Amino acid sequence: MSSSRASRYGRAFLGAVRHQEGDASLETHVRNLRGFAAVLSASAELQKALNSRWVTAPERRSVIASLCDRLETGSFTRNLLFILSDRHLMRSLSIIVDSIDALSDEIRHVERVQITTSRQLAETEMQLLRTQIASQRGSTVRLIHIVDPSVLGGIRMQIGAQVWDDTVKQRLATLLATLKAA
């Protein structure tokens, strides 16, 4: 599925939610969709059933409704899942959820900040980074932490198209370029 098509589903879903419930519930709906997507990705049998053209729409809807009841998702989430199932788009659920998540952050004026380090950061370190970045940017910040041992040390931060790279890997690459130029 193309990102523009996923974005259309995302905008329609968020538009309906905002119209009925306002912006405050957006995060809850994203969390519900992520929960359903996690259950779906963890079960090959469930994926097979919900993606099969041999399983009837009422049967797929019944399975989705049962899972939504167990996960305590709202009617908006359930209805989106019904639509995706009816249109045989459950394979694209993670792409659509990612689109909804990004659009939700945009609506709520939340900046996504991708942090890459060589090791897992403690929650206190993450909170300190979040606080410092939020105060510098003057906005609400959502940290996305990626652990990549190849950076060797230091930190790489990306906000939108801006990248600040203070990793050992980058320093070594700069040093190597300088030595080659000399």
Protein backbone atom coordinates (compact mmCIF):
# COMPACT_ATOMS: atom_id res chain seq x y z
CA MET A 1 0.00 0.00 0.00
CA SER A 2 1.28 3.44 -0.86
CA SER A 3 1.93 5.96 1.88
CA SER A 4 -0.54 8.37 0.28
CA ARG A 5 -3.30 5.77 0.43
CA ALA A 6 -2.43 4.94 4.04
CA SER A 7 -2.48 8.65 4.79
CA ARG A 8 -5.99 8.95 3.31
CA TYR A 9 -7.25 6.23 5.65
CA GLY A 10 -5.42 7.93 8.51
CA ARG A 11 -6.90 11.36 7.79
CA ALA A 12 -10.41 9.92 7.47
CA PHE A 13 -10.09 7.97 10.72
CA LEU A 14 -8.64 10.90 12.67
CA GLY A 15 -11.20 13.28 11.18
CA ALA A 16 -14.05 11.09 12.44
CA VAL A 17 -12.46 10.70 15.88
CA ARG A 18 -11.77 14.43 16.22
CA HIS A 19 -15.29 15.33 15.11
CA GLN A 20 -16.89 13.08 17.75
CA GLU A 21 -14.36 13.05 20.60
CA GLY A 22 -11.87 15.86 20.05
CA ASP A 23 -8.07 15.71 20.05
CA ALA A 24 -7.70 14.38 23.59
CA SER A 25 -8.57 10.80 22.61
CA LEU A 26 -6.23 10.53 19.61
CA GLU A 27 -3.40 8.95 21.58
CA THR A 28 -5.75 6.33 23.04
CA HIS A 29 -6.98 5.34 19.58
CA VAL A 30 -3.42 5.05 18.28
CA ARG A 31 -2.52 2.89 21.28
CA ASN A 32 -5.57 0.67 20.62
CA LEU A 33 -4.62 0.25 16.97
CA ARG A 34 -1.02 -0.56 17.92
CA GLY A 35 -2.30 -3.16 20.39
CA PHE A 36 -4.45 -4.83 17.76
CA ALA A 37 -1.59 -4.73 15.24
CA ALA A 38 0.73 -6.36 17.81
CA VAL A 39 -1.75 -9.19 18.42
CA LEU A 40 -2.17 -9.64 14.67
CA SER A 41 1.56 -9.73 13.96
CA ALA A 42 2.14 -12.23 16.78
CA SER A 43 -0.23 -14.82 15.31
CA ALA A 44 0.37 -16.36 11.90
CA GLU A 45 -3.02 -18.13 12.10
CA LEU A 46 -4.82 -14.86 12.81
CA GLN A 47 -3.02 -13.15 9.93
CA LYS A 48 -3.97 -16.00 7.63
CA ALA A 49 -7.63 -15.85 8.69
CA LEU A 50 -7.99 -12.07 8.43
CA ASN A 51 -6.16 -11.89 5.10
CA SER A 52 -7.88 -14.87 3.49
CA ARG A 53 -10.43 -14.32 0.75
CA TRP A 54 -11.88 -17.75 1.69
CA VAL A 55 -12.96 -16.50 5.12
CA THR A 56 -16.21 -14.58 4.74
CA ALA A 57 -16.54 -10.93 5.76
CA PRO A 58 -18.97 -11.77 8.61
CA GLU A 59 -16.51 -14.36 9.95
CA ARG A 60 -13.61 -11.88 9.79
CA ARG A 61 -15.77 -9.22 11.47
CA SER A 62 -16.67 -11.66 14.22
CA VAL A 63 -13.00 -12.38 14.92
CA ILE A 64 -12.16 -8.67 14.89
CA ALA A 65 -15.08 -7.84 17.18
CA SER A 66 -14.02 -10.56 19.63
CA LEU A 67 -10.44 -9.27 19.72
CA CYS A 68 -11.61 -5.67 20.06
CA ASP A 69 -13.77 -6.69 23.03
CA ARG A 70 -10.79 -8.38 24.70
CA LEU A 71 -8.52 -5.39 23.97
CA GLU A 72 -11.26 -2.95 25.04
CA THR A 73 -10.94 -0.84 21.90
CA GLY A 74 -13.51 1.77 21.00
CA SER A 75 -16.02 1.75 18.19
CA PHE A 76 -13.88 3.96 15.93
CA THR A 77 -11.00 1.49 16.05
CA ARG A 78 -13.34 -1.44 15.55
CA ASN A 79 -15.03 0.22 12.56
CA LEU A 80 -11.69 1.05 10.92
CA LEU A 81 -10.62 -2.57 11.33
CA PHE A 82 -13.93 -3.73 9.80
CA ILE A 83 -13.39 -1.46 6.80
CA LEU A 84 -9.81 -2.65 6.32
CA SER A 85 -10.92 -6.26 6.60
CA ASP A 86 -13.81 -5.79 4.15
CA ARG A 87 -11.38 -4.22 1.67
CA HIS A 88 -8.76 -6.93 2.26
CA LEU A 89 -6.25 -4.42 3.60
CA MET A 90 -5.32 -6.05 6.92
CA ARG A 91 -1.85 -6.78 5.50
CA SER A 92 -1.36 -3.01 5.39
CA LEU A 93 -2.49 -2.41 8.97
CA SER A 94 0.97 -1.51 10.31
CA ILE A 95 1.51 1.03 7.50
CA ILE A 96 -1.88 2.59 8.16
CA VAL A 97 -1.29 2.68 11.92
CA ASP A 98 2.11 4.34 11.39
CA SER A 99 0.40 6.95 9.22
CA ILE A 100 -2.33 7.53 11.82
CA ASP A 101 0.31 7.82 14.55
CA ALA A 102 2.33 10.41 12.58
CA LEU A 103 -0.80 12.41 11.70
CA SER A 104 -1.94 12.29 15.32
CA ASP A 105 1.41 13.70 16.49
CA GLU A 106 1.15 16.42 13.86
CA ILE A 107 -2.37 17.37 14.98
CA ARG A 108 -1.31 17.48 18.64
CA HIS A 109 1.87 19.47 17.75
CA VAL A 110 4.17 16.74 19.02
CA GLU A 111 7.66 16.71 17.50
CA ARG A 112 9.19 13.31 16.84
CA VAL A 113 12.84 13.13 17.78
CA GLN A 114 14.83 10.08 16.74
CA ILE A 115 17.73 9.33 19.06
CA THR A 116 20.35 6.75 18.07
CA THR A 117 22.85 5.48 20.62
CA SER A 118 25.13 2.47 20.93
CA ARG A 119 23.33 1.20 24.04
CA GLN A 120 19.90 1.21 25.61
CA LEU A 121 19.37 4.41 27.57
CA ALA A 122 17.90 4.30 31.07
CA GLU A 123 14.49 5.88 31.57
CA THR A 124 16.10 8.71 33.59
CA GLU A 125 18.44 9.46 30.68
CA MET A 126 15.51 9.42 28.25
CA GLN A 127 13.51 11.75 30.49
CA LEU A 128 16.46 14.14 30.79
CA LEU A 129 16.90 14.21 26.99
CA ARG A 130 13.14 14.70 26.48
CA THR A 131 13.08 17.60 28.94
CA GLN A 132 16.16 19.31 27.50
CA ILE A 133 14.98 18.96 23.89
CA ALA A 134 11.45 20.11 24.74
CA SER A 135 12.75 23.22 26.54
CA GLN A 136 15.08 24.05 23.63
CA ARG A 137 12.40 23.46 20.99
CA GLY A 138 9.53 24.95 22.98
CA SER A 139 7.27 22.04 22.09
CA THR A 140 6.10 18.64 23.23
CA VAL A 141 8.58 15.97 22.21
CA ARG A 142 8.22 12.27 21.49
CA LEU A 143 11.50 10.38 21.63
CA ILE A 144 12.04 7.40 19.38
CA HIS A 145 15.11 5.57 20.65
CA ILE A 146 17.11 3.31 18.35
CA VAL A 147 19.97 1.21 19.63
CA ASP A 148 22.69 0.76 17.00
CA PRO A 149 25.97 -0.69 18.33
CA SER A 150 27.75 0.37 15.13
CA VAL A 151 27.73 4.04 16.26
CA LEU A 152 30.25 2.93 18.94
CA GLY A 153 29.34 5.77 21.33
CA GLY A 154 27.90 9.25 21.45
CA ILE A 155 24.49 10.23 20.16
CA ARG A 156 22.77 10.94 16.84
CA MET A 157 19.61 13.03 16.93
CA GLN A 158 17.19 13.70 14.09
CA ILE A 159 14.27 16.11 14.18
CA GLY A 160 12.52 16.25 10.84
CA ALA A 161 15.22 16.79 8.22
CA GLN A 162 17.77 18.16 10.71
CA VAL A 163 20.42 15.73 11.91
CA TRP A 164 22.99 16.24 14.66
CA ASP A 165 25.56 13.46 14.69
CA ASP A 166 28.01 13.37 17.57
CA THR A 167 28.73 9.66 17.44
CA VAL A 168 32.16 8.07 17.59
CA LYS A 169 31.44 6.51 14.19
CA GLN A 170 30.87 9.97 12.67
CA ARG A 171 33.96 11.43 14.35
CA LEU A 172 36.08 8.57 12.99
CA ALA A 173 34.61 9.09 9.50
CA THR A 174 35.45 12.81 9.69
CA LEU A 175 38.97 12.04 10.91
CA LEU A 176 39.48 9.52 8.10
CA ALA A 177 38.27 12.04 5.49
CA THR A 178 40.66 14.66 6.92
CA LEU A 179 43.58 12.23 6.80
CA LYS A 180 42.79 11.23 3.22
CA ALA A 181 42.63 14.89 2.17
CA ALA A 182 46.01 15.66 3.75
